[in-house]
Protein backbone atom coordinates (compact mmCIF):
# COMPACT_ATOMS: atom_id res chain seq x y z
CA UNK A 1 -93.51 -146.29 134.62
CA UNK A 2 -96.01 -145.41 131.90
CA UNK A 3 -93.20 -145.16 129.36
CA UNK A 4 -91.92 -148.63 130.28
CA UNK A 5 -95.38 -150.16 129.81
CA UNK A 6 -95.83 -148.34 126.49
CA UNK A 7 -92.44 -149.59 125.25
CA UNK A 8 -93.30 -153.13 126.36
CA UNK A 9 -96.64 -153.07 124.53
CA UNK A 10 -95.00 -151.61 121.42
CA UNK A 11 -92.34 -154.33 121.52
CA UNK A 12 -94.96 -157.07 121.75
CA UNK A 13 -96.91 -155.62 118.83
CA UNK A 14 -93.81 -155.28 116.64
CA UNK A 15 -92.78 -158.82 117.53
CA UNK A 16 -96.21 -160.10 116.52
CA UNK A 17 -95.95 -158.31 113.18
CA UNK A 18 -92.69 -160.11 112.42
CA UNK A 19 -93.95 -163.52 113.54
CA UNK A 20 -97.31 -163.57 111.72
CA UNK A 21 -95.93 -163.54 108.14
CA UNK A 22 -93.23 -166.03 109.08
CA UNK A 23 -95.78 -168.50 110.43
CA UNK A 24 -97.76 -168.23 107.19
CA UNK A 25 -94.67 -169.01 105.14
CA UNK A 26 -93.82 -171.99 107.34
CA UNK A 27 -97.37 -173.32 107.08
CA UNK A 28 -97.27 -173.04 103.28
CA UNK A 29 -93.94 -174.87 103.18
CA UNK A 30 -95.33 -177.65 105.39
CA UNK A 31 -98.33 -178.05 103.08
CA UNK A 32 -96.11 -178.47 100.02
CA UNK A 33 -93.84 -180.92 101.88
CA UNK A 34 -96.87 -183.00 102.86
CA UNK A 35 -97.95 -183.16 99.22
CA UNK A 36 -94.47 -184.30 98.18
CA UNK A 37 -94.46 -187.06 100.82
CA UNK A 38 -97.64 -188.59 99.41
CA UNK A 39 -95.96 -189.57 96.14
CA UNK A 40 -96.20 -193.25 95.29
CA UNK A 41 -92.77 -194.68 94.56
CA UNK A 42 -93.81 -198.20 93.68
CA UNK A 43 -96.21 -200.99 94.43
CA UNK A 44 -94.72 -204.28 95.61
CA UNK A 45 -96.36 -207.62 96.36
CA UNK A 46 -95.65 -209.52 99.57
CA UNK A 47 -94.02 -212.25 97.47
CA UNK A 48 -91.63 -209.71 95.96
CA UNK A 49 -90.77 -208.32 99.40
CA UNK A 50 -90.11 -211.87 100.64
CA UNK A 51 -87.33 -212.24 98.04
CA UNK A 52 -85.36 -209.48 99.79
CA UNK A 53 -84.46 -211.38 102.96
CA UNK A 54 -80.65 -211.24 102.93
CA UNK A 55 -78.46 -209.25 105.31
CA UNK A 56 -77.26 -207.13 102.37
CA UNK A 57 -80.74 -206.83 100.83
CA UNK A 58 -83.44 -206.47 103.49
CA UNK A 59 -86.92 -205.09 102.82
CA UNK A 60 -89.66 -205.10 105.44
CA UNK A 61 -93.30 -204.03 105.56
CA UNK A 62 -94.44 -201.70 108.35
CA UNK A 63 -98.01 -200.36 108.29
CA UNK A 64 -98.40 -201.21 104.58
CA UNK A 65 -95.21 -199.38 103.63
CA UNK A 66 -92.03 -200.97 102.33
CA UNK A 67 -88.81 -200.06 104.12
CA UNK A 68 -85.27 -200.79 102.91
CA UNK A 69 -83.02 -201.71 105.87
CA UNK A 70 -79.93 -203.15 104.19
CA UNK A 71 -77.62 -200.34 105.25
CA UNK A 72 -78.22 -200.78 109.00
């Protein structure tokens, strides 16, 4: 019984050692992805967006962001 508990504790500790570095790498990757997402691709006026009102050329504004929905 003591051996089973010792093996279980050892397994948990070894598992934690493998997960801790992996979580750090994932967190670092998420931080860099968040920085990439904040890039500004262009600034458009509402008048310019209004010109794109065709079925084949549809732009809309949602929460101050411009979305291109022509392919849907």
